[in-house]
Amino acid sequence: MYPRSLFLTVLLLVTYICITHAQQTPFTTVYYTPIGSTQAYSITKTLDNHYILAGTKDYIGMAMKVDGAGDISWIRKIGPYMSQLSCVTASQDSCFVLAGTKGFNQTYGDLYMVKITTAGDTVWTRSYPGSSASISSLQMTSDHGFILAGVQSDNSTTV
């Protein structure tokens, strides 16, 4: 009986290790640029099993597409100086909408939204001056519009 219980214990251990390793993320990559600053704040998966990241590069909003191995397909600077894109979500037409701020500083500023294709080309941009907000979440609604959540800096209320 002892060899059989040892065999079952080893089998369970090997199964546990295989399941644990299978659930790890497909890649871990650190992107480093010796000049400037790059930060990513949000990520979403594309239909072609790539990922779109939203963030900022050198104080300008940035979108980046990477594949499942972590290799960069493209990087686009999007928006004016002193902008950041803090959220990204897929739209119903296989494009992506990114939202963030522009202006005052990179934490609080005018609301800024941009829609891009899977190739990173800009479809449209929207700016909402005077909003003085920090965006923390973006989702597509059932009527294919978008809803944002965040903080408005002038009186710290939810937007």
Protein backbone atom coordinates (compact mmCIF):
# COMPACT_ATOMS: atom_id res chain seq x y z
CA MET A 1 0.00 0.00 0.00
CA TYR A 2 2.84 2.39 0.76
CA PRO A 3 4.17 2.58 -2.85
CA ARG A 4 0.65 3.21 -4.11
CA SER A 5 0.04 6.12 -1.69
CA LEU A 6 3.47 7.56 -2.55
CA PHE A 7 2.60 7.32 -6.24
CA LEU A 8 -0.74 9.11 -5.68
CA THR A 9 0.96 11.83 -3.62
CA VAL A 10 3.55 12.44 -6.34
CA LEU A 11 0.85 12.41 -9.01
CA LEU A 12 -1.18 15.00 -7.10
CA LEU A 13 1.90 17.15 -6.62
CA VAL A 14 2.81 17.03 -10.32
CA THR A 15 -0.79 17.84 -11.28
CA TYR A 16 -0.82 20.80 -8.89
CA ILE A 17 2.47 22.14 -10.29
CA CYS A 18 1.25 21.79 -13.89
CA ILE A 19 -2.03 23.60 -13.15
CA THR A 20 -0.26 26.35 -11.21
CA HIS A 21 2.24 27.01 -14.00
CA ALA A 22 -0.45 26.88 -16.69
CA GLN A 23 -2.31 29.73 -14.99
CA GLN A 24 0.63 32.16 -15.04
CA THR A 25 0.49 35.17 -17.32
CA PRO A 26 1.72 34.53 -20.88
CA PHE A 27 4.54 37.08 -20.59
CA THR A 28 6.36 39.32 -18.21
CA THR A 29 8.29 42.03 -20.00
CA VAL A 30 9.86 45.21 -18.75
CA TYR A 31 10.02 47.94 -21.38
CA TYR A 32 12.82 50.39 -20.77
CA THR A 33 13.72 53.52 -22.67
CA PRO A 34 16.90 55.37 -21.70
CA ILE A 35 15.37 58.69 -22.73
CA GLY A 36 12.10 59.99 -21.33
CA SER A 37 9.44 58.28 -19.30
CA THR A 38 6.85 55.63 -20.22
CA GLN A 39 3.99 54.47 -17.96
CA ALA A 40 1.05 52.16 -18.65
CA TYR A 41 -2.15 52.36 -16.60
CA SER A 42 -4.67 50.07 -18.33
CA ILE A 43 -4.72 47.02 -20.59
CA THR A 44 -7.33 45.12 -22.61
CA LYS A 45 -7.19 42.06 -24.85
CA THR A 46 -7.84 42.34 -28.59
CA LEU A 47 -9.74 39.89 -30.81
CA ASP A 48 -6.44 38.76 -32.37
CA ASN A 49 -5.08 37.79 -28.90
CA HIS A 50 -2.86 40.85 -28.60
CA TYR A 51 -3.12 43.55 -25.93
CA ILE A 52 -3.70 47.32 -26.08
CA LEU A 53 -2.12 49.33 -23.27
CA ALA A 54 -3.04 52.92 -22.37
CA GLY A 55 -0.64 55.27 -20.65
CA THR A 56 1.74 58.15 -21.19
CA LYS A 57 5.13 58.60 -22.85
CA ASP A 58 7.15 61.76 -22.37
CA TYR A 59 4.05 63.58 -20.98
CA ILE A 60 1.92 62.70 -24.03
CA GLY A 61 -0.89 60.10 -24.08
CA MET A 62 0.27 56.74 -25.40
CA ALA A 63 -1.28 53.56 -26.79
CA MET A 64 0.79 50.41 -27.27
CA LYS A 65 -0.07 47.08 -28.88
CA VAL A 66 1.84 43.96 -27.81
CA ASP A 67 1.44 40.33 -28.76
CA GLY A 68 1.06 37.36 -26.42
CA ALA A 69 4.84 37.02 -26.11
CA GLY A 70 5.19 40.66 -25.08
CA ASP A 71 6.69 41.85 -28.37
CA ILE A 72 5.66 45.39 -29.31
CA SER A 73 3.58 45.65 -32.50
CA TRP A 74 3.32 49.45 -32.38
CA ILE A 75 3.41 52.46 -30.08
CA ARG A 76 1.45 55.66 -30.76
CA LYS A 77 1.69 58.98 -28.97
CA ILE A 78 -1.86 60.30 -28.86
CA GLY A 79 -2.93 63.68 -27.60
CA PRO A 80 -1.31 66.97 -26.71
CA TYR A 81 1.60 67.66 -24.36
CA MET A 82 0.69 67.09 -20.68
CA SER A 83 -1.86 64.35 -21.39
CA GLN A 84 -2.28 60.80 -20.19
CA LEU A 85 -4.56 57.96 -21.20
CA SER A 86 -5.53 56.06 -18.06
CA CYS A 87 -8.23 53.65 -19.37
CA VAL A 88 -8.88 51.54 -22.46
CA THR A 89 -11.86 49.43 -23.52
CA ALA A 90 -12.95 47.67 -26.71
CA SER A 91 -15.81 49.10 -28.78
CA GLN A 92 -18.46 47.16 -30.71
CA ASP A 93 -16.70 47.76 -34.06
CA SER A 94 -13.36 46.14 -33.12
CA CYS A 95 -11.80 49.50 -32.31
CA PHE A 96 -10.68 50.79 -28.92
CA VAL A 97 -11.63 53.84 -26.89
CA LEU A 98 -9.08 55.34 -24.54
CA ALA A 99 -9.83 57.99 -21.92
CA GLY A 100 -7.74 60.20 -19.72
CA THR A 101 -6.86 63.81 -19.10
CA LYS A 102 -5.03 66.64 -20.80
CA GLY A 103 -3.93 70.02 -19.56
CA PHE A 104 -3.27 71.27 -16.01
CA ASN A 105 -1.16 68.31 -14.92
CA GLN A 106 -1.27 64.65 -15.75
CA THR A 107 -3.42 63.73 -12.78
CA TYR A 108 -6.22 66.28 -13.11
CA GLY A 109 -7.18 68.07 -16.31
CA ASP A 110 -9.74 68.26 -19.06
CA LEU A 111 -11.41 64.97 -19.95
CA TYR A 112 -9.91 63.53 -23.12
CA MET A 113 -11.15 60.54 -25.17
CA VAL A 114 -9.82 59.00 -28.35
CA LYS A 115 -10.97 56.10 -30.51
CA ILE A 116 -8.32 54.10 -32.37
CA THR A 117 -8.29 51.16 -34.78
CA THR A 118 -6.41 47.92 -34.13
CA ALA A 119 -3.58 49.43 -36.21
CA GLY A 120 -3.41 52.44 -33.85
CA ASP A 121 -4.90 54.97 -36.28
CA THR A 122 -7.08 57.68 -34.73
CA VAL A 123 -10.79 57.52 -35.64
CA TRP A 124 -11.95 60.45 -33.48
CA THR A 125 -11.02 62.51 -30.43
CA ARG A 126 -13.21 64.25 -27.87
CA SER A 127 -12.22 66.83 -25.30
CA TYR A 128 -14.37 68.13 -22.47
CA PRO A 129 -12.84 71.40 -21.20
CA GLY A 130 -13.34 72.57 -17.65
CA SER A 131 -14.01 69.11 -16.26
CA SER A 132 -10.87 69.04 -14.05
CA ALA A 133 -11.19 65.28 -13.57
CA SER A 134 -9.08 62.19 -13.07
CA ILE A 135 -10.46 59.13 -14.88
CA SER A 136 -10.20 55.72 -13.23
CA SER A 137 -12.60 53.54 -15.26
CA LEU A 138 -14.13 53.37 -18.74
CA GLN A 139 -16.75 50.88 -19.98
CA MET A 140 -18.93 50.51 -23.06
CA THR A 141 -22.67 50.63 -22.34
CA SER A 142 -25.37 48.40 -23.88
CA ASP A 143 -26.32 51.18 -26.34
CA HIS A 144 -22.65 51.32 -27.54
CA GLY A 145 -21.94 54.56 -25.71
CA PHE A 146 -19.34 54.90 -22.97
CA ILE A 147 -19.48 55.56 -19.27
CA LEU A 148 -16.58 57.01 -17.26
CA ALA A 149 -15.83 57.03 -13.55
CA GLY A 150 -13.29 59.12 -11.69
CA VAL A 151 -12.83 62.09 -9.40
CA GLN A 152 -13.50 65.74 -10.10
CA SER A 153 -10.74 67.78 -8.47
CA ASP A 154 -12.56 71.01 -7.64
CA ASN A 155 -14.89 69.42 -5.10
CA SER A 156 -13.74 65.76 -4.98
CA THR A 157 -17.05 64.35 -6.24
CA THR A 158 -17.42 61.31 -8.43
CA VAL A 159 -17.75 62.08 -12.13
